[in-house]
Amino acid sequence: MVDDAIVMLENIVRHMEMGESRMQAAVSAAREIGFTILAMTFSLVAVFIPVLFMRPDRGRLLHEFSVTIVGRDS
């Protein structure tokens, strides 16, 4: 979750250091790593969906966390 944002911000800053404006840097960064960010997000969702269906005695600890991850990313 947080690593997606960090990767995107680092790429934007790299483009700004190369002389691009903020908007152009954001667009360029999104074009370069947009697919990677989507892949990371889908993999997080794929990992946490099974936790939603665990029995209450086993999945109670991670249930709320998995609802947050799956709900935020989907």
PDB file of N, CA and C in Angstrom:
ATOM      1  N   MET A   1       0.836  -1.180   0.000  1.00  0.00           N
ATOM      2  CA  MET A   1       0.000   0.000   0.000  1.00  0.00           C
ATOM      3  C   MET A   1       0.881   1.243   0.000  1.00  0.00           C
ATOM      4  N   VAL A   2       1.633   1.395   1.050  1.00  0.00           N
ATOM      5  CA  VAL A   2       2.481   2.572   1.162  1.00  0.00           C
ATOM      6  C   VAL A   2       3.605   2.514   0.133  1.00  0.00           C
ATOM      7  N   ASP A   3       4.100   1.323  -0.133  1.00  0.00           N
ATOM      8  CA  ASP A   3       5.194   1.206  -1.097  1.00  0.00           C
ATOM      9  C   ASP A   3       4.773   1.636  -2.491  1.00  0.00           C
ATOM     10  N   ASP A   4       3.507   1.471  -2.857  1.00  0.00           N
ATOM     11  CA  ASP A   4       3.023   1.963  -4.151  1.00  0.00           C
ATOM     12  C   ASP A   4       3.208   3.473  -4.247  1.00  0.00           C
ATOM     13  N   ALA A   5       2.811   4.160  -3.196  1.00  0.00           N
ATOM     14  CA  ALA A   5       2.917   5.619  -3.182  1.00  0.00           C
ATOM     15  C   ALA A   5       4.374   6.061  -3.179  1.00  0.00           C
ATOM     16  N   ILE A   6       5.216   5.367  -2.446  1.00  0.00           N
ATOM     17  CA  ILE A   6       6.629   5.736  -2.386  1.00  0.00           C
ATOM     18  C   ILE A   6       7.285   5.565  -3.749  1.00  0.00           C
ATOM     19  N   VAL A   7       7.004   4.465  -4.412  1.00  0.00           N
ATOM     20  CA  VAL A   7       7.578   4.226  -5.741  1.00  0.00           C
ATOM     21  C   VAL A   7       7.141   5.320  -6.707  1.00  0.00           C
ATOM     22  N   MET A   8       5.870   5.673  -6.658  1.00  0.00           N
ATOM     23  CA  MET A   8       5.354   6.704  -7.559  1.00  0.00           C
ATOM     24  C   MET A   8       5.992   8.059  -7.256  1.00  0.00           C
ATOM     25  N   LEU A   9       6.064   8.429  -5.989  1.00  0.00           N
ATOM     26  CA  LEU A   9       6.651   9.717  -5.626  1.00  0.00           C
ATOM     27  C   LEU A   9       8.132   9.798  -6.002  1.00  0.00           C
ATOM     28  N   GLU A  10       8.857   8.728  -5.777  1.00  0.00           N
ATOM     29  CA  GLU A  10      10.276   8.732  -6.151  1.00  0.00           C
ATOM     30  C   GLU A  10      10.454   8.909  -7.653  1.00  0.00           C
ATOM     31  N   ASN A  11       9.591   8.302  -8.418  1.00  0.00           N
ATOM     32  CA  ASN A  11       9.686   8.438  -9.869  1.00  0.00           C
ATOM     33  C   ASN A  11       9.318   9.856 -10.309  1.00  0.00           C
ATOM     34  N   ILE A  12       8.332  10.457  -9.671  1.00  0.00           N
ATOM     35  CA  ILE A  12       7.964  11.845  -9.993  1.00  0.00           C
ATOM     36  C   ILE A  12       9.122  12.786  -9.668  1.00  0.00           C
ATOM     37  N   VAL A  13       9.719  12.602  -8.495  1.00  0.00           N
ATOM     38  CA  VAL A  13      10.851  13.453  -8.098  1.00  0.00           C
ATOM     39  C   VAL A  13      12.005  13.288  -9.078  1.00  0.00           C
ATOM     40  N   ARG A  14      12.250  12.080  -9.522  1.00  0.00           N
ATOM     41  CA  ARG A  14      13.327  11.846 -10.493  1.00  0.00           C
ATOM     42  C   ARG A  14      13.077  12.635 -11.770  1.00  0.00           C
ATOM     43  N   HIS A  15      11.840  12.640 -12.232  1.00  0.00           N
ATOM     44  CA  HIS A  15      11.511  13.393 -13.445  1.00  0.00           C
ATOM     45  C   HIS A  15      11.627  14.897 -13.211  1.00  0.00           C
ATOM     46  N   MET A  16      11.235  15.362 -12.028  1.00  0.00           N
ATOM     47  CA  MET A  16      11.362  16.786 -11.732  1.00  0.00           C
ATOM     48  C   MET A  16      12.829  17.200 -11.680  1.00  0.00           C
ATOM     49  N   GLU A  17      13.692  16.327 -11.168  1.00  0.00           N
ATOM     50  CA  GLU A  17      15.127  16.620 -11.136  1.00  0.00           C
ATOM     51  C   GLU A  17      15.725  16.656 -12.533  1.00  0.00           C
ATOM     52  N   MET A  18      15.069  16.004 -13.468  1.00  0.00           N
ATOM     53  CA  MET A  18      15.530  16.032 -14.854  1.00  0.00           C
ATOM     54  C   MET A  18      15.013  17.266 -15.592  1.00  0.00           C
ATOM     55  N   GLY A  19      14.277  18.138 -14.879  1.00  0.00           N
ATOM     56  CA  GLY A  19      13.863  19.410 -15.459  1.00  0.00           C
ATOM     57  C   GLY A  19      12.413  19.496 -15.893  1.00  0.00           C
ATOM     58  N   GLU A  20      11.620  18.477 -15.675  1.00  0.00           N
ATOM     59  CA  GLU A  20      10.216  18.529 -16.078  1.00  0.00           C
ATOM     60  C   GLU A  20       9.398  19.299 -15.049  1.00  0.00           C
ATOM     61  N   SER A  21       8.278  19.862 -15.500  1.00  0.00           N
ATOM     62  CA  SER A  21       7.363  20.533 -14.569  1.00  0.00           C
ATOM     63  C   SER A  21       6.682  19.480 -13.703  1.00  0.00           C
ATOM     64  N   ARG A  22       6.010  19.937 -12.658  1.00  0.00           N
ATOM     65  CA  ARG A  22       5.347  18.975 -11.758  1.00  0.00           C
ATOM     66  C   ARG A  22       4.313  18.133 -12.487  1.00  0.00           C
ATOM     67  N   MET A  23       3.512  18.772 -13.296  1.00  0.00           N
ATOM     68  CA  MET A  23       2.456  18.044 -14.009  1.00  0.00           C
ATOM     69  C   MET A  23       3.053  17.075 -15.033  1.00  0.00           C
ATOM     70  N   GLN A  24       4.023  17.536 -15.791  1.00  0.00           N
ATOM     71  CA  GLN A  24       4.645  16.666 -16.798  1.00  0.00           C
ATOM     72  C   GLN A  24       5.380  15.517 -16.128  1.00  0.00           C
ATOM     73  N   ALA A  25       6.026  15.785 -14.983  1.00  0.00           N
ATOM     74  CA  ALA A  25       6.719  14.723 -14.243  1.00  0.00           C
ATOM     75  C   ALA A  25       5.729  13.672 -13.756  1.00  0.00           C
ATOM     76  N   ALA A  26       4.572  14.119 -13.273  1.00  0.00           N
ATOM     77  CA  ALA A  26       3.558  13.171 -12.796  1.00  0.00           C
ATOM     78  C   ALA A  26       3.029  12.316 -13.936  1.00  0.00           C
ATOM     79  N   VAL A  27       2.793  12.927 -15.071  1.00  0.00           N
ATOM     80  CA  VAL A  27       2.279  12.184 -16.235  1.00  0.00           C
ATOM     81  C   VAL A  27       3.325  11.192 -16.728  1.00  0.00           C
ATOM     82  N   SER A  28       4.573  11.641 -16.830  1.00  0.00           N
ATOM     83  CA  SER A  28       5.643  10.750 -17.294  1.00  0.00           C
ATOM     84  C   SER A  28       5.845   9.579 -16.341  1.00  0.00           C
ATOM     85  N   ALA A  29       5.825   9.868 -15.038  1.00  0.00           N
ATOM     86  CA  ALA A  29       6.013   8.814 -14.041  1.00  0.00           C
ATOM     87  C   ALA A  29       4.872   7.810 -14.103  1.00  0.00           C
ATOM     88  N   ALA A  30       3.654   8.297 -14.263  1.00  0.00           N
ATOM     89  CA  ALA A  30       2.501   7.394 -14.332  1.00  0.00           C
ATOM     90  C   ALA A  30       2.570   6.509 -15.573  1.00  0.00           C
ATOM     91  N   ARG A  31       3.028   7.063 -16.676  1.00  0.00           N
ATOM     92  CA  ARG A  31       3.162   6.263 -17.889  1.00  0.00           C
ATOM     93  C   ARG A  31       4.215   5.177 -17.731  1.00  0.00           C
ATOM     94  N   GLU A  32       5.304   5.515 -17.037  1.00  0.00           N
ATOM     95  CA  GLU A  32       6.397   4.551 -16.894  1.00  0.00           C
ATOM     96  C   GLU A  32       6.050   3.396 -15.971  1.00  0.00           C
ATOM     97  N   ILE A  33       5.411   3.673 -14.851  1.00  0.00           N
ATOM     98  CA  ILE A  33       5.232   2.623 -13.840  1.00  0.00           C
ATOM     99  C   ILE A  33       3.776   2.347 -13.490  1.00  0.00           C
ATOM    100  N   GLY A  34       2.852   2.859 -14.276  1.00  0.00           N
ATOM    101  CA  GLY A  34       1.433   2.637 -13.997  1.00  0.00           C
ATOM    102  C   GLY A  34       1.072   1.160 -13.950  1.00  0.00           C
ATOM    103  N   PHE A  35       1.574   0.391 -14.909  1.00  0.00           N
ATOM    104  CA  PHE A  35       1.263  -1.038 -14.933  1.00  0.00           C
ATOM    105  C   PHE A  35       1.843  -1.749 -13.715  1.00  0.00           C
ATOM    106  N   THR A  36       3.038  -1.354 -13.305  1.00  0.00           N
ATOM    107  CA  THR A  36       3.671  -1.965 -12.136  1.00  0.00           C
ATOM    108  C   THR A  36       2.867  -1.687 -10.876  1.00  0.00           C
ATOM    109  N   ILE A  37       2.393  -0.466 -10.722  1.00  0.00           N
ATOM    110  CA  ILE A  37       1.577  -0.112  -9.556  1.00  0.00           C
ATOM    111  C   ILE A  37       0.287  -0.928  -9.544  1.00  0.00           C
ATOM    112  N   LEU A  38      -0.339  -1.073 -10.700  1.00  0.00           N
ATOM    113  CA  LEU A  38      -1.554  -1.893 -10.779  1.00  0.00           C
ATOM    114  C   LEU A  38      -1.271  -3.350 -10.423  1.00  0.00           C
ATOM    115  N   ALA A  39      -0.163  -3.879 -10.896  1.00  0.00           N
ATOM    116  CA  ALA A  39       0.193  -5.265 -10.589  1.00  0.00           C
ATOM    117  C   ALA A  39       0.434  -5.447  -9.092  1.00  0.00           C
ATOM    118  N   MET A  40       1.108  -4.487  -8.459  1.00  0.00           N
ATOM    119  CA  MET A  40       1.348  -4.569  -7.016  1.00  0.00           C
ATOM    120  C   MET A  40       0.023  -4.513  -6.243  1.00  0.00           C
ATOM    121  N   THR A  41      -0.878  -3.656  -6.684  1.00  0.00           N
ATOM    122  CA  THR A  41      -2.177  -3.523  -6.020  1.00  0.00           C
ATOM    123  C   THR A  41      -2.984  -4.806  -6.147  1.00  0.00           C
ATOM    124  N   PHE A  42      -3.035  -5.375  -7.350  1.00  0.00           N
ATOM    125  CA  PHE A  42      -3.797  -6.608  -7.545  1.00  0.00           C
ATOM    126  C   PHE A  42      -3.195  -7.776  -6.765  1.00  0.00           C
ATOM    127  N   SER A  43      -1.887  -7.808  -6.638  1.00  0.00           N
ATOM    128  CA  SER A  43      -1.282  -8.886  -5.866  1.00  0.00           C
ATOM    129  C   SER A  43      -1.622  -8.754  -4.385  1.00  0.00           C
ATOM    130  N   LEU A  44      -1.688  -7.526  -3.871  1.00  0.00           N
ATOM    131  CA  LEU A  44      -2.106  -7.334  -2.479  1.00  0.00           C
ATOM    132  C   LEU A  44      -3.541  -7.806  -2.274  1.00  0.00           C
ATOM    133  N   VAL A  45      -4.403  -7.452  -3.193  1.00  0.00           N
ATOM    134  CA  VAL A  45      -5.802  -7.881  -3.093  1.00  0.00           C
ATOM    135  C   VAL A  45      -5.893  -9.401  -3.153  1.00  0.00           C
ATOM    136  N   ALA A  46      -5.144 -10.014  -4.048  1.00  0.00           N
ATOM    137  CA  ALA A  46      -5.175 -11.470  -4.191  1.00  0.00           C
ATOM    138  C   ALA A  46      -4.690 -12.169  -2.929  1.00  0.00           C
ATOM    139  N   VAL A  47      -3.763 -11.568  -2.233  1.00  0.00           N
ATOM    140  CA  VAL A  47      -3.252 -12.177  -1.006  1.00  0.00           C
ATOM    141  C   VAL A  47      -4.265 -12.067   0.126  1.00  0.00           C
ATOM    142  N   PHE A  48      -4.962 -10.946   0.223  1.00  0.00           N
ATOM    143  CA  PHE A  48      -5.829 -10.727   1.372  1.00  0.00           C
ATOM    144  C   PHE A  48      -7.267 -11.188   1.188  1.00  0.00           C
ATOM    145  N   ILE A  49      -7.713 -11.495  -0.011  1.00  0.00           N
ATOM    146  CA  ILE A  49      -9.082 -11.994  -0.193  1.00  0.00           C
ATOM    147  C   ILE A  49      -9.305 -13.303   0.559  1.00  0.00           C
ATOM    148  N   PRO A  50      -8.398 -14.268   0.523  1.00  0.00           N
ATOM    149  CA  PRO A  50      -8.644 -15.500   1.277  1.00  0.00           C
ATOM    150  C   PRO A  50      -8.782 -15.280   2.792  1.00  0.00           C
ATOM    151  N   VAL A  51      -8.138 -14.261   3.316  1.00  0.00           N
ATOM    152  CA  VAL A  51      -8.247 -13.977   4.747  1.00  0.00           C
ATOM    153  C   VAL A  51      -9.684 -13.609   5.104  1.00  0.00           C
ATOM    154  N   LEU A  52     -10.392 -12.984   4.182  1.00  0.00           N
ATOM    155  CA  LEU A  52     -11.786 -12.619   4.440  1.00  0.00           C
ATOM    156  C   LEU A  52     -12.656 -13.849   4.684  1.00  0.00           C
ATOM    157  N   PHE A  53     -12.286 -14.978   4.088  1.00  0.00           N
ATOM    158  CA  PHE A  53     -13.110 -16.171   4.171  1.00  0.00           C
ATOM    159  C   PHE A  53     -12.614 -17.191   5.197  1.00  0.00           C
ATOM    160  N   MET A  54     -11.635 -16.814   5.984  1.00  0.00           N
ATOM    161  CA  MET A  54     -11.136 -17.718   7.027  1.00  0.00           C
ATOM    162  C   MET A  54     -12.174 -17.846   8.142  1.00  0.00           C
ATOM    163  N   ARG A  55     -12.118 -18.952   8.867  1.00  0.00           N
ATOM    164  CA  ARG A  55     -13.004 -19.141  10.008  1.00  0.00           C
ATOM    165  C   ARG A  55     -12.726 -18.055  11.038  1.00  0.00           C
ATOM    166  N   PRO A  56     -13.734 -17.647  11.791  1.00  0.00           N
ATOM    167  CA  PRO A  56     -13.553 -16.548  12.750  1.00  0.00           C
ATOM    168  C   PRO A  56     -12.450 -16.789  13.786  1.00  0.00           C
ATOM    169  N   ASP A  57     -12.251 -18.019  14.213  1.00  0.00           N
ATOM    170  CA  ASP A  57     -11.219 -18.262  15.219  1.00  0.00           C
ATOM    171  C   ASP A  57      -9.813 -18.112  14.653  1.00  0.00           C
ATOM    172  N   ARG A  58      -9.644 -18.254  13.351  1.00  0.00           N
ATOM    173  CA  ARG A  58      -8.323 -18.134  12.736  1.00  0.00           C
ATOM    174  C   ARG A  58      -8.102 -16.772  12.105  1.00  0.00           C
ATOM    175  N   GLY A  59      -9.127 -16.211  11.501  1.00  0.00           N
ATOM    176  CA  GLY A  59      -8.948 -14.979  10.734  1.00  0.00           C
ATOM    177  C   GLY A  59      -9.362 -13.724  11.449  1.00  0.00           C
ATOM    178  N   ARG A  60      -9.744 -13.821  12.701  1.00  0.00           N
ATOM    179  CA  ARG A  60     -10.243 -12.645  13.428  1.00  0.00           C
ATOM    180  C   ARG A  60      -9.206 -11.527  13.484  1.00  0.00           C
ATOM    181  N   LEU A  61      -7.963 -11.886  13.698  1.00  0.00           N
ATOM    182  CA  LEU A  61      -6.908 -10.889  13.846  1.00  0.00           C
ATOM    183  C   LEU A  61      -6.705 -10.077  12.565  1.00  0.00           C
ATOM    184  N   LEU A  62      -6.777 -10.712  11.427  1.00  0.00           N
ATOM    185  CA  LEU A  62      -6.486 -10.030  10.168  1.00  0.00           C
ATOM    186  C   LEU A  62      -7.725  -9.645   9.362  1.00  0.00           C
ATOM    187  N   HIS A  63      -8.906  -9.965   9.853  1.00  0.00           N
ATOM    188  CA  HIS A  63     -10.122  -9.721   9.081  1.00  0.00           C
ATOM    189  C   HIS A  63     -10.306  -8.235   8.769  1.00  0.00           C
ATOM    190  N   GLU A  64     -10.239  -7.376   9.769  1.00  0.00           N
ATOM    191  CA  GLU A  64     -10.441  -5.953   9.545  1.00  0.00           C
ATOM    192  C   GLU A  64      -9.361  -5.383   8.618  1.00  0.00           C
ATOM    193  N   PHE A  65      -8.133  -5.852   8.821  1.00  0.00           N
ATOM    194  CA  PHE A  65      -7.046  -5.386   7.967  1.00  0.00           C
ATOM    195  C   PHE A  65      -7.282  -5.795   6.519  1.00  0.00           C
ATOM    196  N   SER A  66      -7.707  -7.021   6.304  1.00  0.00           N
ATOM    197  CA  SER A  66      -7.933  -7.481   4.936  1.00  0.00           C
ATOM    198  C   SER A  66      -9.111  -6.765   4.299  1.00  0.00           C
ATOM    199  N   VAL A  67     -10.149  -6.446   5.066  1.00  0.00           N
ATOM    200  CA  VAL A  67     -11.274  -5.680   4.517  1.00  0.00           C
ATOM    201  C   VAL A  67     -10.783  -4.305   4.069  1.00  0.00           C
ATOM    202  N   THR A  68      -9.930  -3.700   4.882  1.00  0.00           N
ATOM    203  CA  THR A  68      -9.378  -2.378   4.534  1.00  0.00           C
ATOM    204  C   THR A  68      -8.542  -2.455   3.266  1.00  0.00           C
ATOM    205  N   ILE A  69      -7.678  -3.452   3.161  1.00  0.00           N
ATOM    206  CA  ILE A  69      -6.819  -3.577   1.979  1.00  0.00           C
ATOM    207  C   ILE A  69      -7.642  -3.842   0.728  1.00  0.00           C
ATOM    208  N   VAL A  70      -8.525  -4.808   0.798  1.00  0.00           N
ATOM    209  CA  VAL A  70      -9.307  -5.176  -0.381  1.00  0.00           C
ATOM    210  C   VAL A  70     -10.247  -4.054  -0.768  1.00  0.00           C
ATOM    211  N   GLY A  71     -10.838  -3.391   0.209  1.00  0.00           N
ATOM    212  CA  GLY A  71     -11.764  -2.287  -0.088  1.00  0.00           C
ATOM    213  C   GLY A  71     -11.066  -1.067  -0.633  1.00  0.00           C
ATOM    214  N   ARG A  72      -9.875  -0.787  -0.138  1.00  0.00           N
ATOM    215  CA  ARG A  72      -9.137   0.401  -0.597  1.00  0.00           C
ATOM    216  C   ARG A  72      -8.599   0.195  -1.997  1.00  0.00           C
ATOM    217  N   ASP A  73      -8.078  -0.993  -2.272  1.00  0.00           N
ATOM    218  CA  ASP A  73      -7.378  -1.216  -3.526  1.00  0.00           C
ATOM    219  C   ASP A  73      -8.300  -1.600  -4.671  1.00  0.00           C
ATOM    220  N   SER A  74      -9.473  -2.081  -4.393  1.00  0.00           N
ATOM    221  CA  SER A  74     -10.306  -2.534  -5.514  1.00  0.00           C
ATOM    222  C   SER A  74     -11.196  -1.435  -6.035  1.00  0.00           C
TER     223      SER A  74
END
